Amino acid sequence: MNRLEKYLHISEKATAPNKHWSNIDLLKFEYFNPNGAHALKMKLNDAICDAVDANIVKCGWHVAYGFLNDYHTSMIRELAMKKRATDFEARYYGDAIRRQYIQVMAMLEAETINHNQKEIAA
């Protein structure tokens, strides 16, 4: 597999990381692949935008959890462009985005339920 085929596989075709990939390959998967952590963060941003537009949550969610809270995705992008990354760096930032996605989606669901109950009571 040449470099272009490998890149296309990692960035487009792969559905999950391969344990035999290098740390840079893992970071490229997390940032460029539609199944990676960056795509998950974009889904979270869209969900927060929809909730803010529907007045379910305040606009401060953009700062706390949304598109203005992009440290981990920025680090994945920066590291993916380098020639080397540590095992910790390669795994930590993607895992952090996944943990945040689960936590924030649970909070969004609770806020949506609370908002709906307030509308019913009113």
PDB file of N, CA and C in Angstrom:
ATOM      1  N   MET A   1       0.862  -1.174   0.000  1.00  0.00           N
ATOM      2  CA  MET A   1       0.000   0.000   0.000  1.00  0.00           C
ATOM      3  C   MET A   1       0.906   1.235   0.000  1.00  0.00           C
ATOM      4  N   ASN A   2       0.737   2.092  -1.003  1.00  0.00           N
ATOM      5  CA  ASN A   2       1.556   3.295  -1.038  1.00  0.00           C
ATOM      6  C   ASN A   2       1.006   4.351  -0.071  1.00  0.00           C
ATOM      7  N   ARG A   3       1.717   5.460   0.039  1.00  0.00           N
ATOM      8  CA  ARG A   3       1.359   6.479   1.030  1.00  0.00           C
ATOM      9  C   ARG A   3      -0.022   7.074   0.780  1.00  0.00           C
ATOM     10  N   LEU A   4      -0.364   7.314  -0.484  1.00  0.00           N
ATOM     11  CA  LEU A   4      -1.667   7.887  -0.802  1.00  0.00           C
ATOM     12  C   LEU A   4      -2.789   6.905  -0.454  1.00  0.00           C
ATOM     13  N   GLU A   5      -2.628   5.654  -0.820  1.00  0.00           N
ATOM     14  CA  GLU A   5      -3.642   4.642  -0.496  1.00  0.00           C
ATOM     15  C   GLU A   5      -3.809   4.509   1.018  1.00  0.00           C
ATOM     16  N   LYS A   6      -2.691   4.534   1.736  1.00  0.00           N
ATOM     17  CA  LYS A   6      -2.748   4.442   3.202  1.00  0.00           C
ATOM     18  C   LYS A   6      -3.493   5.640   3.780  1.00  0.00           C
ATOM     19  N   TYR A   7      -3.163   6.845   3.297  1.00  0.00           N
ATOM     20  CA  TYR A   7      -3.837   8.046   3.787  1.00  0.00           C
ATOM     21  C   TYR A   7      -5.335   7.995   3.493  1.00  0.00           C
ATOM     22  N   LEU A   8      -5.717   7.604   2.281  1.00  0.00           N
ATOM     23  CA  LEU A   8      -7.133   7.521   1.927  1.00  0.00           C
ATOM     24  C   LEU A   8      -7.855   6.491   2.770  1.00  0.00           C
ATOM     25  N   HIS A   9      -7.184   5.386   3.046  1.00  0.00           N
ATOM     26  CA  HIS A   9      -7.799   4.366   3.906  1.00  0.00           C
ATOM     27  C   HIS A   9      -8.029   4.922   5.313  1.00  0.00           C
ATOM     28  N   ILE A  10      -6.995   5.561   5.864  1.00  0.00           N
ATOM     29  CA  ILE A  10      -7.101   6.099   7.223  1.00  0.00           C
ATOM     30  C   ILE A  10      -8.124   7.222   7.291  1.00  0.00           C
ATOM     31  N   SER A  11      -8.107   8.124   6.325  1.00  0.00           N
ATOM     32  CA  SER A  11      -8.946   9.313   6.412  1.00  0.00           C
ATOM     33  C   SER A  11     -10.368   9.134   5.902  1.00  0.00           C
ATOM     34  N   GLU A  12     -10.634   8.084   5.124  1.00  0.00           N
ATOM     35  CA  GLU A  12     -11.970   7.956   4.548  1.00  0.00           C
ATOM     36  C   GLU A  12     -12.620   6.595   4.769  1.00  0.00           C
ATOM     37  N   LYS A  13     -11.876   5.523   4.592  1.00  0.00           N
ATOM     38  CA  LYS A  13     -12.489   4.202   4.551  1.00  0.00           C
ATOM     39  C   LYS A  13     -12.558   3.492   5.899  1.00  0.00           C
ATOM     40  N   ALA A  14     -11.590   3.715   6.756  1.00  0.00           N
ATOM     41  CA  ALA A  14     -11.533   2.993   8.032  1.00  0.00           C
ATOM     42  C   ALA A  14     -12.726   3.359   8.907  1.00  0.00           C
ATOM     43  N   THR A  15     -13.263   2.365   9.596  1.00  0.00           N
ATOM     44  CA  THR A  15     -14.386   2.624  10.498  1.00  0.00           C
ATOM     45  C   THR A  15     -13.952   2.673  11.952  1.00  0.00           C
ATOM     46  N   ALA A  16     -12.768   2.174  12.248  1.00  0.00           N
ATOM     47  CA  ALA A  16     -12.221   2.201  13.598  1.00  0.00           C
ATOM     48  C   ALA A  16     -10.700   2.177  13.496  1.00  0.00           C
ATOM     49  N   PRO A  17     -10.012   2.681  14.514  1.00  0.00           N
ATOM     50  CA  PRO A  17      -8.552   2.651  14.480  1.00  0.00           C
ATOM     51  C   PRO A  17      -8.023   1.217  14.500  1.00  0.00           C
ATOM     52  N   ASN A  18      -6.898   1.032  13.844  1.00  0.00           N
ATOM     53  CA  ASN A  18      -6.231  -0.263  13.805  1.00  0.00           C
ATOM     54  C   ASN A  18      -5.121  -0.239  14.845  1.00  0.00           C
ATOM     55  N   LYS A  19      -4.994  -1.280  15.629  1.00  0.00           N
ATOM     56  CA  LYS A  19      -3.987  -1.281  16.692  1.00  0.00           C
ATOM     57  C   LYS A  19      -2.560  -1.309  16.156  1.00  0.00           C
ATOM     58  N   HIS A  20      -2.379  -1.575  14.879  1.00  0.00           N
ATOM     59  CA  HIS A  20      -1.052  -1.621  14.280  1.00  0.00           C
ATOM     60  C   HIS A  20      -0.637  -0.290  13.649  1.00  0.00           C
ATOM     61  N   TRP A  21      -1.490   0.706  13.693  1.00  0.00           N
ATOM     62  CA  TRP A  21      -1.169   2.003  13.127  1.00  0.00           C
ATOM     63  C   TRP A  21      -0.149   2.729  14.004  1.00  0.00           C
ATOM     64  N   SER A  22       0.577   3.639  13.384  1.00  0.00           N
ATOM     65  CA  SER A  22       1.475   4.509  14.153  1.00  0.00           C
ATOM     66  C   SER A  22       0.634   5.554  14.889  1.00  0.00           C
ATOM     67  N   ASN A  23       1.265   6.253  15.809  1.00  0.00           N
ATOM     68  CA  ASN A  23       0.554   7.309  16.537  1.00  0.00           C
ATOM     69  C   ASN A  23       0.070   8.407  15.599  1.00  0.00           C
ATOM     70  N   ILE A  24       0.858   8.743  14.598  1.00  0.00           N
ATOM     71  CA  ILE A  24       0.453   9.771  13.630  1.00  0.00           C
ATOM     72  C   ILE A  24      -0.737   9.283  12.807  1.00  0.00           C
ATOM     73  N   ASP A  25      -0.734   8.016  12.421  1.00  0.00           N
ATOM     74  CA  ASP A  25      -1.872   7.460  11.688  1.00  0.00           C
ATOM     75  C   ASP A  25      -3.143   7.533  12.532  1.00  0.00           C
ATOM     76  N   LEU A  26      -3.020   7.227  13.816  1.00  0.00           N
ATOM     77  CA  LEU A  26      -4.171   7.305  14.714  1.00  0.00           C
ATOM     78  C   LEU A  26      -4.682   8.740  14.800  1.00  0.00           C
ATOM     79  N   LEU A  27      -3.784   9.689  14.925  1.00  0.00           N
ATOM     80  CA  LEU A  27      -4.192  11.097  14.987  1.00  0.00           C
ATOM     81  C   LEU A  27      -4.844  11.549  13.688  1.00  0.00           C
ATOM     82  N   LYS A  28      -4.327  11.095  12.564  1.00  0.00           N
ATOM     83  CA  LYS A  28      -4.948  11.435  11.277  1.00  0.00           C
ATOM     84  C   LYS A  28      -6.343  10.832  11.179  1.00  0.00           C
ATOM     85  N   PHE A  29      -6.514   9.611  11.670  1.00  0.00           N
ATOM     86  CA  PHE A  29      -7.843   9.004  11.707  1.00  0.00           C
ATOM     87  C   PHE A  29      -8.780   9.866  12.551  1.00  0.00           C
ATOM     88  N   GLU A  30      -8.333  10.236  13.747  1.00  0.00           N
ATOM     89  CA  GLU A  30      -9.177  11.006  14.666  1.00  0.00           C
ATOM     90  C   GLU A  30      -9.581  12.354  14.080  1.00  0.00           C
ATOM     91  N   TYR A  31      -8.703  12.968  13.286  1.00  0.00           N
ATOM     92  CA  TYR A  31      -9.017  14.298  12.777  1.00  0.00           C
ATOM     93  C   TYR A  31      -9.729  14.276  11.422  1.00  0.00           C
ATOM     94  N   PHE A  32      -9.320  13.410  10.511  1.00  0.00           N
ATOM     95  CA  PHE A  32      -9.838  13.469   9.144  1.00  0.00           C
ATOM     96  C   PHE A  32     -10.963  12.482   8.837  1.00  0.00           C
ATOM     97  N   ASN A  33     -11.052  11.407   9.561  1.00  0.00           N
ATOM     98  CA  ASN A  33     -12.014  10.360   9.244  1.00  0.00           C
ATOM     99  C   ASN A  33     -13.409  10.722   9.760  1.00  0.00           C
ATOM    100  N   PRO A  34     -14.472  10.393   9.000  1.00  0.00           N
ATOM    101  CA  PRO A  34     -15.830  10.680   9.475  1.00  0.00           C
ATOM    102  C   PRO A  34     -16.231   9.881  10.712  1.00  0.00           C
ATOM    103  N   ASN A  35     -15.445   8.875  11.084  1.00  0.00           N
ATOM    104  CA  ASN A  35     -15.700   8.097  12.300  1.00  0.00           C
ATOM    105  C   ASN A  35     -14.768   8.497  13.438  1.00  0.00           C
ATOM    106  N   GLY A  36     -13.973   9.532  13.241  1.00  0.00           N
ATOM    107  CA  GLY A  36     -12.994   9.957  14.231  1.00  0.00           C
ATOM    108  C   GLY A  36     -13.564  10.933  15.246  1.00  0.00           C
ATOM    109  N   ALA A  37     -12.695  11.336  16.156  1.00  0.00           N
ATOM    110  CA  ALA A  37     -13.095  12.211  17.261  1.00  0.00           C
ATOM    111  C   ALA A  37     -13.512  13.604  16.773  1.00  0.00           C
ATOM    112  N   HIS A  38     -12.867  14.123  15.754  1.00  0.00           N
ATOM    113  CA  HIS A  38     -13.222  15.453  15.240  1.00  0.00           C
ATOM    114  C   HIS A  38     -14.653  15.463  14.706  1.00  0.00           C
ATOM    115  N   ALA A  39     -15.041  14.421  13.997  1.00  0.00           N
ATOM    116  CA  ALA A  39     -16.418  14.337  13.488  1.00  0.00           C
ATOM    117  C   ALA A  39     -17.417  14.254  14.641  1.00  0.00           C
ATOM    118  N   LEU A  40     -17.038  13.549  15.698  1.00  0.00           N
ATOM    119  CA  LEU A  40     -17.896  13.456  16.876  1.00  0.00           C
ATOM    120  C   LEU A  40     -18.061  14.829  17.523  1.00  0.00           C
ATOM    121  N   LYS A  41     -16.973  15.589  17.582  1.00  0.00           N
ATOM    122  CA  LYS A  41     -17.041  16.945  18.143  1.00  0.00           C
ATOM    123  C   LYS A  41     -17.945  17.840  17.289  1.00  0.00           C
ATOM    124  N   MET A  42     -17.911  17.680  15.972  1.00  0.00           N
ATOM    125  CA  MET A  42     -18.785  18.463  15.102  1.00  0.00           C
ATOM    126  C   MET A  42     -20.257  18.112  15.331  1.00  0.00           C
ATOM    127  N   LYS A  43     -20.538  16.830  15.571  1.00  0.00           N
ATOM    128  CA  LYS A  43     -21.915  16.424  15.897  1.00  0.00           C
ATOM    129  C   LYS A  43     -22.362  17.068  17.203  1.00  0.00           C
ATOM    130  N   LEU A  44     -21.452  17.095  18.179  1.00  0.00           N
ATOM    131  CA  LEU A  44     -21.769  17.726  19.461  1.00  0.00           C
ATOM    132  C   LEU A  44     -22.030  19.217  19.269  1.00  0.00           C
ATOM    133  N   ASN A  45     -21.203  19.878  18.483  1.00  0.00           N
ATOM    134  CA  ASN A  45     -21.411  21.306  18.211  1.00  0.00           C
ATOM    135  C   ASN A  45     -22.770  21.554  17.567  1.00  0.00           C
ATOM    136  N   ASP A  46     -23.158  20.709  16.622  1.00  0.00           N
ATOM    137  CA  ASP A  46     -24.456  20.854  15.961  1.00  0.00           C
ATOM    138  C   ASP A  46     -25.603  20.656  16.949  1.00  0.00           C
ATOM    139  N   ALA A  47     -25.469  19.670  17.835  1.00  0.00           N
ATOM    140  CA  ALA A  47     -26.520  19.419  18.827  1.00  0.00           C
ATOM    141  C   ALA A  47     -26.659  20.607  19.779  1.00  0.00           C
ATOM    142  N   ILE A  48     -25.533  21.181  20.175  1.00  0.00           N
ATOM    143  CA  ILE A  48     -25.573  22.350  21.065  1.00  0.00           C
ATOM    144  C   ILE A  48     -26.192  23.544  20.345  1.00  0.00           C
ATOM    145  N   CYS A  49     -25.816  23.763  19.095  1.00  0.00           N
ATOM    146  CA  CYS A  49     -26.404  24.869  18.320  1.00  0.00           C
ATOM    147  C   CYS A  49     -27.915  24.709  18.194  1.00  0.00           C
ATOM    148  N   ASP A  50     -28.366  23.496  17.936  1.00  0.00           N
ATOM    149  CA  ASP A  50     -29.803  23.244  17.835  1.00  0.00           C
ATOM    150  C   ASP A  50     -30.505  23.513  19.163  1.00  0.00           C
ATOM    151  N   ALA A  51     -29.880  23.104  20.263  1.00  0.00           N
ATOM    152  CA  ALA A  51     -30.480  23.324  21.581  1.00  0.00           C
ATOM    153  C   ALA A  51     -30.504  24.810  21.935  1.00  0.00           C
ATOM    154  N   VAL A  52     -29.476  25.544  21.587  1.00  0.00           N
ATOM    155  CA  VAL A  52     -29.453  26.991  21.843  1.00  0.00           C
ATOM    156  C   VAL A  52     -30.518  27.680  20.993  1.00  0.00           C
ATOM    157  N   ASP A  53     -30.617  27.285  19.726  1.00  0.00           N
ATOM    158  CA  ASP A  53     -31.625  27.881  18.842  1.00  0.00           C
ATOM    159  C   ASP A  53     -33.044  27.605  19.319  1.00  0.00           C
ATOM    160  N   ALA A  54     -33.255  26.451  19.959  1.00  0.00           N
ATOM    161  CA  ALA A  54     -34.580  26.091  20.463  1.00  0.00           C
ATOM    162  C   ALA A  54     -34.819  26.628  21.878  1.00  0.00           C
ATOM    163  N   ASN A  55     -33.882  27.432  22.398  1.00  0.00           N
ATOM    164  CA  ASN A  55     -33.971  28.000  23.750  1.00  0.00           C
ATOM    165  C   ASN A  55     -34.052  26.943  24.845  1.00  0.00           C
ATOM    166  N   ILE A  56     -33.442  25.811  24.598  1.00  0.00           N
ATOM    167  CA  ILE A  56     -33.390  24.755  25.616  1.00  0.00           C
ATOM    168  C   ILE A  56     -32.246  25.035  26.581  1.00  0.00           C
ATOM    169  N   VAL A  57     -31.120  25.498  26.060  1.00  0.00           N
ATOM    170  CA  VAL A  57     -29.970  25.862  26.890  1.00  0.00           C
ATOM    171  C   VAL A  57     -29.526  27.272  26.526  1.00  0.00           C
ATOM    172  N   LYS A  58     -28.761  27.865  27.404  1.00  0.00           N
ATOM    173  CA  LYS A  58     -28.250  29.227  27.182  1.00  0.00           C
ATOM    174  C   LYS A  58     -27.090  29.205  26.188  1.00  0.00           C
ATOM    175  N   CYS A  59     -26.793  30.350  25.619  1.00  0.00           N
ATOM    176  CA  CYS A  59     -25.722  30.444  24.623  1.00  0.00           C
ATOM    177  C   CYS A  59     -24.342  30.216  25.234  1.00  0.00           C
ATOM    178  N   GLY A  60     -24.229  30.238  26.528  1.00  0.00           N
ATOM    179  CA  GLY A  60     -22.965  29.948  27.191  1.00  0.00           C
ATOM    180  C   GLY A  60     -22.493  28.520  26.954  1.00  0.00           C
ATOM    181  N   TRP A  61     -23.383  27.660  26.517  1.00  0.00           N
ATOM    182  CA  TRP A  61     -22.985  26.277  26.204  1.00  0.00           C
ATOM    183  C   TRP A  61     -21.991  26.252  25.049  1.00  0.00           C
ATOM    184  N   HIS A  62     -22.055  27.234  24.151  1.00  0.00           N
ATOM    185  CA  HIS A  62     -21.076  27.302  23.062  1.00  0.00           C
ATOM    186  C   HIS A  62     -19.663  27.456  23.632  1.00  0.00           C
ATOM    187  N   VAL A  63     -19.554  28.277  24.670  1.00  0.00           N
ATOM    188  CA  VAL A  63     -18.249  28.515  25.282  1.00  0.00           C
ATOM    189  C   VAL A  63     -17.824  27.316  26.113  1.00  0.00           C
ATOM    190  N   ALA A  64     -18.727  26.796  26.909  1.00  0.00           N
ATOM    191  CA  ALA A  64     -18.370  25.730  27.837  1.00  0.00           C
ATOM    192  C   ALA A  64     -18.177  24.378  27.161  1.00  0.00           C
ATOM    193  N   TYR A  65     -19.024  24.056  26.191  1.00  0.00           N
ATOM    194  CA  TYR A  65     -18.984  22.715  25.604  1.00  0.00           C
ATOM    195  C   TYR A  65     -18.940  22.692  24.085  1.00  0.00           C
ATOM    196  N   GLY A  66     -19.242  23.793  23.443  1.00  0.00           N
ATOM    197  CA  GLY A  66     -19.420  23.810  21.991  1.00  0.00           C
ATOM    198  C   GLY A  66     -18.194  24.195  21.200  1.00  0.00           C
ATOM    199  N   PHE A  67     -18.438  24.913  20.115  1.00  0.00           N
ATOM    200  CA  PHE A  67     -17.379  25.190  19.154  1.00  0.00           C
ATOM    201  C   PHE A  67     -16.278  26.094  19.705  1.00  0.00           C
ATOM    202  N   LEU A  68     -16.518  26.810  20.782  1.00  0.00           N
ATOM    203  CA  LEU A  68     -15.457  27.623  21.377  1.00  0.00           C
ATOM    204  C   LEU A  68     -14.585  26.820  22.345  1.00  0.00           C
ATOM    205  N   ASN A  69     -15.003  25.618  22.677  1.00  0.00           N
ATOM    206  CA  ASN A  69     -14.223  24.718  23.521  1.00  0.00           C
ATOM    207  C   ASN A  69     -13.555  23.697  22.599  1.00  0.00           C
ATOM    208  N   ASP A  70     -12.472  24.110  21.960  1.00  0.00           N
ATOM    209  CA  ASP A  70     -11.875  23.255  20.924  1.00  0.00           C
ATOM    210  C   ASP A  70     -10.421  22.874  21.199  1.00  0.00           C
ATOM    211  N   TYR A  71     -10.020  22.892  22.449  1.00  0.00           N
ATOM    212  CA  TYR A  71      -8.623  22.586  22.776  1.00  0.00           C
ATOM    213  C   TYR A  71      -8.215  21.200  22.281  1.00  0.00           C
ATOM    214  N   HIS A  72      -9.024  20.197  22.575  1.00  0.00           N
ATOM    215  CA  HIS A  72      -8.651  18.824  22.211  1.00  0.00           C
ATOM    216  C   HIS A  72      -8.610  18.628  20.693  1.00  0.00           C
ATOM    217  N   THR A  73      -9.570  19.186  19.972  1.00  0.00           N
ATOM    218  CA  THR A  73      -9.538  19.051  18.508  1.00  0.00           C
ATOM    219  C   THR A  73      -8.361  19.830  17.924  1.00  0.00           C
ATOM    220  N   SER A  74      -8.029  20.957  18.498  1.00  0.00           N
ATOM    221  CA  SER A  74      -6.862  21.711  18.032  1.00  0.00           C
ATOM    222  C   SER A  74      -5.577  20.924  18.246  1.00  0.00           C
ATOM    223  N   MET A  75      -5.483  20.261  19.379  1.00  0.00           N
ATOM    224  CA  MET A  75      -4.286  19.464  19.655  1.00  0.00           C
ATOM    225  C   MET A  75      -4.192  18.280  18.690  1.00  0.00           C
ATOM    226  N   ILE A  76      -5.316  17.631  18.394  1.00  0.00           N
ATOM    227  CA  ILE A  76      -5.290  16.524  17.429  1.00  0.00           C
ATOM    228  C   ILE A  76      -4.830  17.037  16.069  1.00  0.00           C
ATOM    229  N   ARG A  77      -5.349  18.173  15.650  1.00  0.00           N
ATOM    230  CA  ARG A  77      -4.959  18.747  14.362  1.00  0.00           C
ATOM    231  C   ARG A  77      -3.463  19.061  14.334  1.00  0.00           C
ATOM    232  N   GLU A  78      -2.966  19.712  15.367  1.00  0.00           N
ATOM    233  CA  GLU A  78      -1.545  20.062  15.410  1.00  0.00           C
ATOM    234  C   GLU A  78      -0.659  18.828  15.422  1.00  0.00           C
ATOM    235  N   LEU A  79      -1.027  17.836  16.224  1.00  0.00           N
ATOM    236  CA  LEU A  79      -0.203  16.631  16.323  1.00  0.00           C
ATOM    237  C   LEU A  79      -0.243  15.807  15.049  1.00  0.00           C
ATOM    238  N   ALA A  80      -1.384  15.790  14.361  1.00  0.00           N
ATOM    239  CA  ALA A  80      -1.509  15.014  13.123  1.00  0.00           C
ATOM    240  C   ALA A  80      -0.597  15.564  12.031  1.00  0.00           C
ATOM    241  N   MET A  81      -0.252  16.828  12.114  1.00  0.00           N
ATOM    242  CA  MET A  81       0.618  17.446  11.114  1.00  0.00           C
ATOM    243  C   MET A  81       2.103  17.260  11.422  1.00  0.00           C
ATOM    244  N   LYS A  82       2.407  16.782  12.620  1.00  0.00           N
ATOM    245  CA  LYS A  82       3.805  16.561  12.989  1.00  0.00           C
ATOM    246  C   LYS A  82       4.290  15.210  12.476  1.00  0.00           C
ATOM    247  N   LYS A  83       5.564  14.986  12.612  1.00  0.00           N
ATOM    248  CA  LYS A  83       6.143  13.710  12.184  1.00  0.00           C
ATOM    249  C   LYS A  83       6.107  12.662  13.286  1.00  0.00           C
ATOM    250  N   ARG A  84       6.023  13.108  14.544  1.00  0.00           N
ATOM    251  CA  ARG A  84       6.027  12.179  15.668  1.00  0.00           C
ATOM    252  C   ARG A  84       5.048  12.644  16.738  1.00  0.00           C
ATOM    253  N   ALA A  85       4.522  11.683  17.463  1.00  0.00           N
ATOM    254  CA  ALA A  85       3.667  11.970  18.613  1.00  0.00           C
ATOM    255  C   ALA A  85       3.816  10.813  19.590  1.00  0.00           C
ATOM    256  N   THR A  86       3.675  11.109  20.861  1.00  0.00           N
ATOM    257  CA  THR A  86       3.774  10.047  21.857  1.00  0.00           C
ATOM    258  C   THR A  86       2.491   9.231  21.880  1.00  0.00           C
ATOM    259  N   ASP A  87       2.578   8.072  22.467  1.00  0.00           N
ATOM    260  CA  ASP A  87       1.405   7.215  22.597  1.00  0.00           C
ATOM    261  C   ASP A  87       0.330   7.915  23.432  1.00  0.00           C
ATOM    262  N   PHE A  88       0.755   8.608  24.483  1.00  0.00           N
ATOM    263  CA  PHE A  88      -0.192   9.343  25.321  1.00  0.00           C
ATOM    264  C   PHE A  88      -0.938  10.388  24.508  1.00  0.00           C
ATOM    265  N   GLU A  89      -0.198  11.188  23.741  1.00  0.00           N
ATOM    266  CA  GLU A  89      -0.829  12.241  22.938  1.00  0.00           C
ATOM    267  C   GLU A  89      -1.795  11.659  21.919  1.00  0.00           C
ATOM    268  N   ALA A  90      -1.388  10.566  21.303  1.00  0.00           N
ATOM    269  CA  ALA A  90      -2.212   9.972  20.251  1.00  0.00           C
ATOM    270  C   ALA A  90      -3.541   9.466  20.801  1.00  0.00           C
ATOM    271  N   ARG A  91      -3.564   8.990  22.008  1.00  0.00           N
ATOM    272  CA  ARG A  91      -4.781   8.402  22.561  1.00  0.00           C
ATOM    273  C   ARG A  91      -5.580   9.362  23.441  1.00  0.00           C
ATOM    274  N   TYR A  92      -4.898  10.224  24.164  1.00  0.00           N
ATOM    275  CA  TYR A  92      -5.568  11.059  25.157  1.00  0.00           C
ATOM    276  C   TYR A  92      -6.604  11.998  24.549  1.00  0.00           C
ATOM    277  N   TYR A  93      -6.231  12.733  23.520  1.00  0.00           N
ATOM    278  CA  TYR A  93      -7.121  13.778  23.010  1.00  0.00           C
ATOM    279  C   TYR A  93      -8.384  13.209  22.359  1.00  0.00           C
ATOM    280  N   GLY A  94      -8.270  12.121  21.628  1.00  0.00           N
ATOM    281  CA  GLY A  94      -9.458  11.482  21.062  1.00  0.00           C
ATOM    282  C   GLY A  94     -10.368  10.931  22.141  1.00  0.00           C
ATOM    283  N   ASP A  95      -9.764  10.301  23.148  1.00  0.00           N
ATOM    284  CA  ASP A  95     -10.557   9.771  24.263  1.00  0.00           C
ATOM    285  C   ASP A  95     -11.246  10.893  25.037  1.00  0.00           C
ATOM    286  N   ALA A  96     -10.555  12.017  25.199  1.00  0.00           N
ATOM    287  CA  ALA A  96     -11.146  13.155  25.909  1.00  0.00           C
ATOM    288  C   ALA A  96     -12.367  13.684  25.163  1.00  0.00           C
ATOM    289  N   ILE A  97     -12.287  13.749  23.848  1.00  0.00           N
ATOM    290  CA  ILE A  97     -13.438  14.210  23.056  1.00  0.00           C
ATOM    291  C   ILE A  97     -14.597  13.230  23.194  1.00  0.00           C
ATOM    292  N   ARG A  98     -14.313  11.942  23.156  1.00  0.00           N
ATOM    293  CA  ARG A  98     -15.385  10.948  23.310  1.00  0.00           C
ATOM    294  C   ARG A  98     -16.039  11.032  24.693  1.00  0.00           C
ATOM    295  N   ARG A  99     -15.227  11.206  25.743  1.00  0.00           N
ATOM    296  CA  ARG A  99     -15.788  11.353  27.092  1.00  0.00           C
ATOM    297  C   ARG A  99     -16.662  12.599  27.178  1.00  0.00           C
ATOM    298  N   GLN A 100     -16.167  13.707  26.611  1.00  0.00           N
ATOM    299  CA  GLN A 100     -16.944  14.941  26.640  1.00  0.00           C
ATOM    300  C   GLN A 100     -18.248  14.780  25.868  1.00  0.00           C
ATOM    301  N   TYR A 101     -18.207  14.108  24.741  1.00  0.00           N
ATOM    302  CA  TYR A 101     -19.412  13.896  23.942  1.00  0.00           C
ATOM    303  C   TYR A 101     -20.473  13.162  24.759  1.00  0.00           C
ATOM    304  N   ILE A 102     -20.081  12.092  25.421  1.00  0.00           N
ATOM    305  CA  ILE A 102     -21.033  11.308  26.227  1.00  0.00           C
ATOM    306  C   ILE A 102     -21.605  12.155  27.356  1.00  0.00           C
ATOM    307  N   GLN A 103     -20.742  12.887  28.066  1.00  0.00           N
ATOM    308  CA  GLN A 103     -21.205  13.697  29.195  1.00  0.00           C
ATOM    309  C   GLN A 103     -22.129  14.824  28.751  1.00  0.00           C
ATOM    310  N   VAL A 104     -21.744  15.537  27.718  1.00  0.00           N
ATOM    311  CA  VAL A 104     -22.537  16.693  27.283  1.00  0.00           C
ATOM    312  C   VAL A 104     -23.848  16.248  26.650  1.00  0.00           C
ATOM    313  N   MET A 105     -23.829  15.172  25.898  1.00  0.00           N
ATOM    314  CA  MET A 105     -25.091  14.683  25.326  1.00  0.00           C
ATOM    315  C   MET A 105     -26.056  14.246  26.425  1.00  0.00           C
ATOM    316  N   ALA A 106     -25.543  13.655  27.503  1.00  0.00           N
ATOM    317  CA  ALA A 106     -26.406  13.295  28.633  1.00  0.00           C
ATOM    318  C   ALA A 106     -26.967  14.549  29.294  1.00  0.00           C
ATOM    319  N   MET A 107     -26.143  15.585  29.449  1.00  0.00           N
ATOM    320  CA  MET A 107     -26.635  16.836  30.031  1.00  0.00           C
ATOM    321  C   MET A 107     -27.654  17.499  29.113  1.00  0.00           C
ATOM    322  N   LEU A 108     -27.414  17.448  27.812  1.00  0.00           N
ATOM    323  CA  LEU A 108     -28.363  18.024  26.853  1.00  0.00           C
ATOM    324  C   LEU A 108     -29.707  17.299  26.907  1.00  0.00           C
ATOM    325  N   GLU A 109     -29.634  15.988  27.010  1.00  0.00           N
ATOM    326  CA  GLU A 109     -30.876  15.211  27.111  1.00  0.00           C
ATOM    327  C   GLU A 109     -31.645  15.586  28.376  1.00  0.00           C
ATOM    328  N   ALA A 110     -30.946  15.737  29.491  1.00  0.00           N
ATOM    329  CA  ALA A 110     -31.600  16.132  30.742  1.00  0.00           C
ATOM    330  C   ALA A 110     -32.198  17.531  30.625  1.00  0.00           C
ATOM    331  N   GLU A 111     -31.466  18.449  30.000  1.00  0.00           N
ATOM    332  CA  GLU A 111     -31.979  19.806  29.812  1.00  0.00           C
ATOM    333  C   GLU A 111     -33.203  19.807  28.898  1.00  0.00           C
ATOM    334  N   THR A 112     -33.209  18.974  27.878  1.00  0.00           N
ATOM    335  CA  THR A 112     -34.354  18.880  26.970  1.00  0.00           C
ATOM    336  C   THR A 112     -35.579  18.357  27.701  1.00  0.00           C
ATOM    337  N   ILE A 113     -35.390  17.330  28.511  1.00  0.00           N
ATOM    338  CA  ILE A 113     -36.505  16.785  29.303  1.00  0.00           C
ATOM    339  C   ILE A 113     -37.032  17.843  30.262  1.00  0.00           C
ATOM    340  N   ASN A 114     -36.135  18.550  30.936  1.00  0.00           N
ATOM    341  CA  ASN A 114     -36.521  19.599  31.872  1.00  0.00           C
ATOM    342  C   ASN A 114     -37.274  20.711  31.146  1.00  0.00           C
ATOM    343  N   HIS A 115     -36.797  21.094  29.975  1.00  0.00           N
ATOM    344  CA  HIS A 115     -37.450  22.150  29.182  1.00  0.00           C
ATOM    345  C   HIS A 115     -38.856  21.710  28.762  1.00  0.00           C
ATOM    346  N   ASN A 116     -38.977  20.463  28.339  1.00  0.00           N
ATOM    347  CA  ASN A 116     -40.291  19.950  27.910  1.00  0.00           C
ATOM    348  C   ASN A 116     -41.265  19.892  29.087  1.00  0.00           C
ATOM    349  N   GLN A 117     -40.774  19.506  30.258  1.00  0.00           N
ATOM    350  CA  GLN A 117     -41.653  19.452  31.439  1.00  0.00           C
ATOM    351  C   GLN A 117     -42.124  20.854  31.829  1.00  0.00           C
ATOM    352  N   LYS A 118     -41.262  21.845  31.697  1.00  0.00           N
ATOM    353  CA  LYS A 118     -41.645  23.223  32.005  1.00  0.00           C
ATOM    354  C   LYS A 118     -42.707  23.718  31.023  1.00  0.00           C
ATOM    355  N   GLU A 119     -42.581  23.346  29.763  1.00  0.00           N
ATOM    356  CA  GLU A 119     -43.579  23.751  28.756  1.00  0.00           C
ATOM    357  C   GLU A 119     -44.921  23.101  29.030  1.00  0.00           C
ATOM    358  N   ILE A 120     -44.905  21.833  29.444  1.00  0.00           N
ATOM    359  CA  ILE A 120     -46.153  21.131  29.744  1.00  0.00           C
ATOM    360  C   ILE A 120     -46.835  21.760  30.966  1.00  0.00           C
ATOM    361  N   ALA A 121     -46.040  22.108  31.968  1.00  0.00           N
ATOM    362  CA  ALA A 121     -46.586  22.694  33.202  1.00  0.00           C
ATOM    363  C   ALA A 121     -47.120  24.103  32.951  1.00  0.00           C
ATOM    364  N   ALA A 122     -46.595  24.783  31.988  1.00  0.00           N
ATOM    365  CA  ALA A 122     -47.004  26.174  31.742  1.00  0.00           C
ATOM    366  C   ALA A 122     -48.297  26.288  30.993  1.00  0.00           C
TER     367      ALA A 122
END
